[in-house]
Amino acid sequence: MCGATQGGPSLEGIDLSKEAVIQGVVTKGDEPVGNAYVRLLDKTGEFTAEVPTSATGQFRFFAGPGEWTLRTLAPRIDPVDRSVVAQVGSVAEVVVAV
């Protein structure tokens, strides 16, 4: 079992009443995938942002409300797309298995 926190990073200090958060973890098998990148694409497929995963495979975006696509890119793995809906006041927790 890895030492990663379940799901995304801690929400301590984040005012969820003002934020739409998309976060999660990238895994392969039971192991977190560090050294990957997660891209945030809008509903038309347009690139909006990109973040690297932490050593424990975690990532986070502060997004506008609406429909988004997460595109996960990791070495020697085909890209994986995952649809997600962001809403102010809530956290969209995503586990991306590659």
N, C-alpha and C. Protein backbone atom coordinates (compact mmCIF):
# COMPACT_ATOMS: atom_id res chain seq x y z
N MET A 1 0.85 -1.18 0.00
CA MET A 1 0.00 0.00 0.00
C MET A 1 0.88 1.24 0.00
N CYS A 2 0.58 2.20 -0.84
CA CYS A 2 1.37 3.41 -0.91
C CYS A 2 0.96 4.37 0.20
N GLY A 3 1.78 5.39 0.43
CA GLY A 3 1.50 6.36 1.48
C GLY A 3 0.68 7.54 1.01
N ALA A 4 0.12 7.49 -0.17
CA ALA A 4 -0.63 8.62 -0.71
C ALA A 4 -1.96 8.80 0.01
N THR A 5 -2.34 10.06 0.19
CA THR A 5 -3.66 10.36 0.73
C THR A 5 -4.70 9.92 -0.29
N GLN A 6 -5.79 9.34 0.18
CA GLN A 6 -6.86 8.94 -0.74
C GLN A 6 -7.35 10.17 -1.49
N GLY A 7 -7.46 10.07 -2.81
CA GLY A 7 -7.93 11.19 -3.62
C GLY A 7 -6.87 12.26 -3.77
N GLY A 8 -7.30 13.50 -3.83
CA GLY A 8 -6.38 14.59 -4.08
C GLY A 8 -5.74 15.14 -2.82
N PRO A 9 -5.02 16.25 -2.97
CA PRO A 9 -4.34 16.88 -1.85
C PRO A 9 -5.32 17.39 -0.79
N SER A 10 -4.80 17.73 0.37
CA SER A 10 -5.59 18.27 1.47
C SER A 10 -6.30 19.55 1.05
N LEU A 11 -7.50 19.75 1.56
CA LEU A 11 -8.28 20.96 1.26
C LEU A 11 -8.14 22.01 2.35
N GLU A 12 -7.23 21.81 3.28
CA GLU A 12 -7.04 22.75 4.36
C GLU A 12 -6.70 24.13 3.80
N GLY A 13 -7.40 25.15 4.30
CA GLY A 13 -7.14 26.52 3.88
C GLY A 13 -7.86 26.96 2.61
N ILE A 14 -8.66 26.09 2.02
CA ILE A 14 -9.38 26.45 0.79
C ILE A 14 -10.83 26.75 1.13
N ASP A 15 -11.31 27.92 0.71
CA ASP A 15 -12.70 28.32 0.93
C ASP A 15 -13.55 27.76 -0.20
N LEU A 16 -14.15 26.59 0.05
CA LEU A 16 -14.93 25.92 -1.00
C LEU A 16 -16.18 26.69 -1.38
N SER A 17 -16.63 27.62 -0.56
CA SER A 17 -17.82 28.38 -0.93
C SER A 17 -17.55 29.31 -2.11
N LYS A 18 -16.25 29.52 -2.42
CA LYS A 18 -15.86 30.42 -3.51
C LYS A 18 -15.14 29.72 -4.65
N GLU A 19 -14.89 28.42 -4.52
CA GLU A 19 -14.06 27.71 -5.48
C GLU A 19 -14.77 26.49 -6.08
N ALA A 20 -14.44 26.18 -7.31
CA ALA A 20 -14.80 24.91 -7.95
C ALA A 20 -13.49 24.15 -8.11
N VAL A 21 -13.34 23.05 -7.38
CA VAL A 21 -12.09 22.32 -7.33
C VAL A 21 -12.22 20.98 -8.04
N ILE A 22 -11.23 20.70 -8.88
CA ILE A 22 -11.10 19.37 -9.50
C ILE A 22 -9.76 18.83 -9.02
N GLN A 23 -9.79 17.68 -8.37
CA GLN A 23 -8.54 17.12 -7.88
C GLN A 23 -8.62 15.61 -7.86
N GLY A 24 -7.47 15.00 -7.72
CA GLY A 24 -7.47 13.55 -7.64
C GLY A 24 -6.07 12.98 -7.65
N VAL A 25 -6.02 11.74 -8.10
CA VAL A 25 -4.76 11.02 -8.10
C VAL A 25 -4.69 10.17 -9.38
N VAL A 26 -3.48 10.05 -9.91
CA VAL A 26 -3.23 9.21 -11.08
C VAL A 26 -2.56 7.93 -10.57
N THR A 27 -3.10 6.79 -10.97
CA THR A 27 -2.56 5.51 -10.52
C THR A 27 -2.34 4.55 -11.69
N LYS A 28 -1.42 3.62 -11.48
CA LYS A 28 -1.23 2.51 -12.40
C LYS A 28 -1.16 1.27 -11.52
N GLY A 29 -2.17 0.41 -11.65
CA GLY A 29 -2.30 -0.68 -10.71
C GLY A 29 -2.65 -0.07 -9.36
N ASP A 30 -1.94 -0.46 -8.32
CA ASP A 30 -2.17 0.10 -6.99
C ASP A 30 -1.17 1.19 -6.64
N GLU A 31 -0.35 1.61 -7.59
CA GLU A 31 0.72 2.56 -7.31
C GLU A 31 0.41 3.94 -7.88
N PRO A 32 0.74 5.01 -7.13
CA PRO A 32 0.57 6.36 -7.66
C PRO A 32 1.57 6.62 -8.78
N VAL A 33 1.20 7.48 -9.72
CA VAL A 33 2.07 7.82 -10.84
C VAL A 33 2.54 9.26 -10.67
N GLY A 34 3.79 9.41 -10.23
CA GLY A 34 4.42 10.73 -10.22
C GLY A 34 4.99 10.95 -11.61
N ASN A 35 5.47 12.14 -11.89
CA ASN A 35 6.09 12.42 -13.18
C ASN A 35 5.10 12.28 -14.34
N ALA A 36 3.83 12.52 -14.08
CA ALA A 36 2.80 12.56 -15.13
C ALA A 36 2.30 14.00 -15.20
N TYR A 37 1.55 14.30 -16.23
CA TYR A 37 0.93 15.62 -16.37
C TYR A 37 -0.56 15.44 -16.60
N VAL A 38 -1.34 16.32 -15.99
CA VAL A 38 -2.79 16.31 -16.18
C VAL A 38 -3.16 17.65 -16.81
N ARG A 39 -3.82 17.58 -17.95
CA ARG A 39 -4.26 18.79 -18.65
C ARG A 39 -5.75 18.99 -18.42
N LEU A 40 -6.14 20.24 -18.32
CA LEU A 40 -7.54 20.62 -18.19
C LEU A 40 -7.98 21.21 -19.52
N LEU A 41 -8.96 20.55 -20.14
CA LEU A 41 -9.49 20.99 -21.44
C LEU A 41 -10.94 21.43 -21.25
N ASP A 42 -11.32 22.54 -21.90
CA ASP A 42 -12.71 22.99 -21.78
C ASP A 42 -13.63 22.11 -22.62
N LYS A 43 -14.93 22.43 -22.60
CA LYS A 43 -15.90 21.54 -23.27
C LYS A 43 -15.73 21.48 -24.78
N THR A 44 -14.95 22.41 -25.36
CA THR A 44 -14.67 22.35 -26.80
C THR A 44 -13.36 21.62 -27.09
N GLY A 45 -12.67 21.19 -26.02
CA GLY A 45 -11.39 20.51 -26.19
C GLY A 45 -10.20 21.43 -26.18
N GLU A 46 -10.44 22.72 -25.91
CA GLU A 46 -9.37 23.72 -25.89
C GLU A 46 -8.55 23.60 -24.60
N PHE A 47 -7.21 23.64 -24.76
CA PHE A 47 -6.30 23.57 -23.63
C PHE A 47 -6.52 24.77 -22.72
N THR A 48 -6.62 24.51 -21.40
CA THR A 48 -6.81 25.58 -20.42
C THR A 48 -5.66 25.65 -19.43
N ALA A 49 -5.22 24.49 -18.93
CA ALA A 49 -4.16 24.47 -17.93
C ALA A 49 -3.53 23.08 -17.89
N GLU A 50 -2.35 23.01 -17.26
CA GLU A 50 -1.67 21.73 -17.09
C GLU A 50 -0.89 21.77 -15.78
N VAL A 51 -0.94 20.66 -15.03
CA VAL A 51 -0.17 20.55 -13.80
C VAL A 51 0.54 19.20 -13.78
N PRO A 52 1.72 19.15 -13.15
CA PRO A 52 2.38 17.86 -12.95
C PRO A 52 1.77 17.16 -11.74
N THR A 53 1.82 15.84 -11.74
CA THR A 53 1.39 15.11 -10.55
C THR A 53 2.52 15.16 -9.53
N SER A 54 2.14 15.09 -8.27
CA SER A 54 3.13 15.04 -7.19
C SER A 54 3.76 13.64 -7.18
N ALA A 55 4.73 13.45 -6.31
CA ALA A 55 5.36 12.13 -6.17
C ALA A 55 4.34 11.07 -5.77
N THR A 56 3.23 11.50 -5.15
CA THR A 56 2.17 10.57 -4.75
C THR A 56 1.03 10.55 -5.76
N GLY A 57 1.26 11.09 -6.97
CA GLY A 57 0.29 11.02 -8.06
C GLY A 57 -0.84 12.02 -7.98
N GLN A 58 -0.80 12.95 -7.04
CA GLN A 58 -1.90 13.87 -6.82
C GLN A 58 -1.82 15.11 -7.71
N PHE A 59 -3.01 15.68 -8.00
CA PHE A 59 -3.11 16.91 -8.78
C PHE A 59 -4.32 17.70 -8.33
N ARG A 60 -4.34 19.00 -8.67
CA ARG A 60 -5.49 19.85 -8.34
C ARG A 60 -5.60 20.99 -9.35
N PHE A 61 -6.86 21.30 -9.71
CA PHE A 61 -7.17 22.48 -10.51
C PHE A 61 -8.25 23.29 -9.80
N PHE A 62 -8.16 24.61 -9.92
CA PHE A 62 -9.25 25.50 -9.56
C PHE A 62 -9.87 25.89 -10.90
N ALA A 63 -11.08 25.45 -11.14
CA ALA A 63 -11.70 25.62 -12.45
C ALA A 63 -12.99 26.42 -12.33
N GLY A 64 -13.45 26.92 -13.45
CA GLY A 64 -14.77 27.53 -13.49
C GLY A 64 -15.82 26.44 -13.47
N PRO A 65 -17.03 26.77 -13.08
CA PRO A 65 -18.10 25.78 -13.10
C PRO A 65 -18.35 25.29 -14.52
N GLY A 66 -18.66 24.02 -14.66
CA GLY A 66 -19.01 23.47 -15.96
C GLY A 66 -18.35 22.14 -16.24
N GLU A 67 -18.45 21.74 -17.50
CA GLU A 67 -17.92 20.45 -17.95
C GLU A 67 -16.48 20.61 -18.42
N TRP A 68 -15.62 19.69 -18.00
CA TRP A 68 -14.20 19.71 -18.33
C TRP A 68 -13.75 18.31 -18.72
N THR A 69 -12.62 18.26 -19.40
CA THR A 69 -11.96 16.98 -19.67
C THR A 69 -10.57 17.03 -19.07
N LEU A 70 -10.22 15.98 -18.33
CA LEU A 70 -8.87 15.82 -17.83
C LEU A 70 -8.15 14.88 -18.79
N ARG A 71 -7.02 15.31 -19.31
CA ARG A 71 -6.19 14.47 -20.17
C ARG A 71 -4.89 14.18 -19.42
N THR A 72 -4.68 12.91 -19.12
CA THR A 72 -3.50 12.51 -18.36
C THR A 72 -2.45 11.96 -19.30
N LEU A 73 -1.24 12.50 -19.17
CA LEU A 73 -0.10 12.11 -19.99
C LEU A 73 1.01 11.61 -19.07
N ALA A 74 1.49 10.40 -19.33
CA ALA A 74 2.57 9.83 -18.53
C ALA A 74 3.51 9.08 -19.46
N PRO A 75 4.78 8.97 -19.07
CA PRO A 75 5.75 8.27 -19.92
C PRO A 75 5.32 6.83 -20.20
N ARG A 76 5.44 6.43 -21.46
CA ARG A 76 5.17 5.06 -21.91
C ARG A 76 3.74 4.60 -21.66
N ILE A 77 2.81 5.56 -21.59
CA ILE A 77 1.40 5.23 -21.38
C ILE A 77 0.58 6.07 -22.36
N ASP A 78 -0.43 5.47 -22.99
CA ASP A 78 -1.31 6.23 -23.87
C ASP A 78 -2.08 7.26 -23.07
N PRO A 79 -2.36 8.45 -23.65
CA PRO A 79 -3.14 9.46 -22.93
C PRO A 79 -4.50 8.91 -22.51
N VAL A 80 -4.96 9.34 -21.34
CA VAL A 80 -6.25 8.92 -20.81
C VAL A 80 -7.10 10.17 -20.59
N ASP A 81 -8.31 10.20 -21.18
CA ASP A 81 -9.23 11.31 -20.99
C ASP A 81 -10.32 10.91 -20.01
N ARG A 82 -10.69 11.85 -19.14
CA ARG A 82 -11.75 11.61 -18.17
C ARG A 82 -12.60 12.86 -18.08
N SER A 83 -13.92 12.73 -18.24
CA SER A 83 -14.84 13.86 -18.14
C SER A 83 -15.15 14.14 -16.68
N VAL A 84 -15.30 15.42 -16.36
CA VAL A 84 -15.60 15.82 -14.98
C VAL A 84 -16.42 17.10 -15.01
N VAL A 85 -17.27 17.28 -14.00
CA VAL A 85 -18.07 18.50 -13.87
C VAL A 85 -17.63 19.21 -12.61
N ALA A 86 -17.29 20.49 -12.75
CA ALA A 86 -16.88 21.32 -11.62
C ALA A 86 -18.05 22.20 -11.20
N GLN A 87 -18.22 22.35 -9.87
CA GLN A 87 -19.26 23.21 -9.33
C GLN A 87 -18.68 23.99 -8.16
N VAL A 88 -19.00 25.29 -8.10
CA VAL A 88 -18.58 26.10 -6.97
C VAL A 88 -19.20 25.49 -5.71
N GLY A 89 -18.36 25.37 -4.68
CA GLY A 89 -18.84 24.83 -3.41
C GLY A 89 -18.63 23.34 -3.25
N SER A 90 -18.04 22.69 -4.27
CA SER A 90 -17.81 21.26 -4.14
C SER A 90 -16.47 20.88 -4.76
N VAL A 91 -16.06 19.66 -4.44
CA VAL A 91 -14.80 19.13 -4.95
C VAL A 91 -15.12 17.93 -5.83
N ALA A 92 -14.68 17.98 -7.09
CA ALA A 92 -14.80 16.82 -7.97
C ALA A 92 -13.54 15.97 -7.76
N GLU A 93 -13.71 14.84 -7.08
CA GLU A 93 -12.59 13.92 -6.82
C GLU A 93 -12.51 12.91 -7.96
N VAL A 94 -11.34 12.79 -8.56
CA VAL A 94 -11.16 11.92 -9.71
C VAL A 94 -9.97 11.00 -9.47
N VAL A 95 -10.17 9.71 -9.73
CA VAL A 95 -9.05 8.77 -9.76
C VAL A 95 -8.87 8.38 -11.22
N VAL A 96 -7.68 8.63 -11.75
CA VAL A 96 -7.38 8.32 -13.14
C VAL A 96 -6.46 7.11 -13.15
N ALA A 97 -6.98 6.00 -13.65
CA ALA A 97 -6.16 4.78 -13.78
C ALA A 97 -5.58 4.75 -15.19
N VAL A 98 -4.26 4.64 -15.26
CA VAL A 98 -3.59 4.61 -16.57
C VAL A 98 -3.03 3.24 -16.86
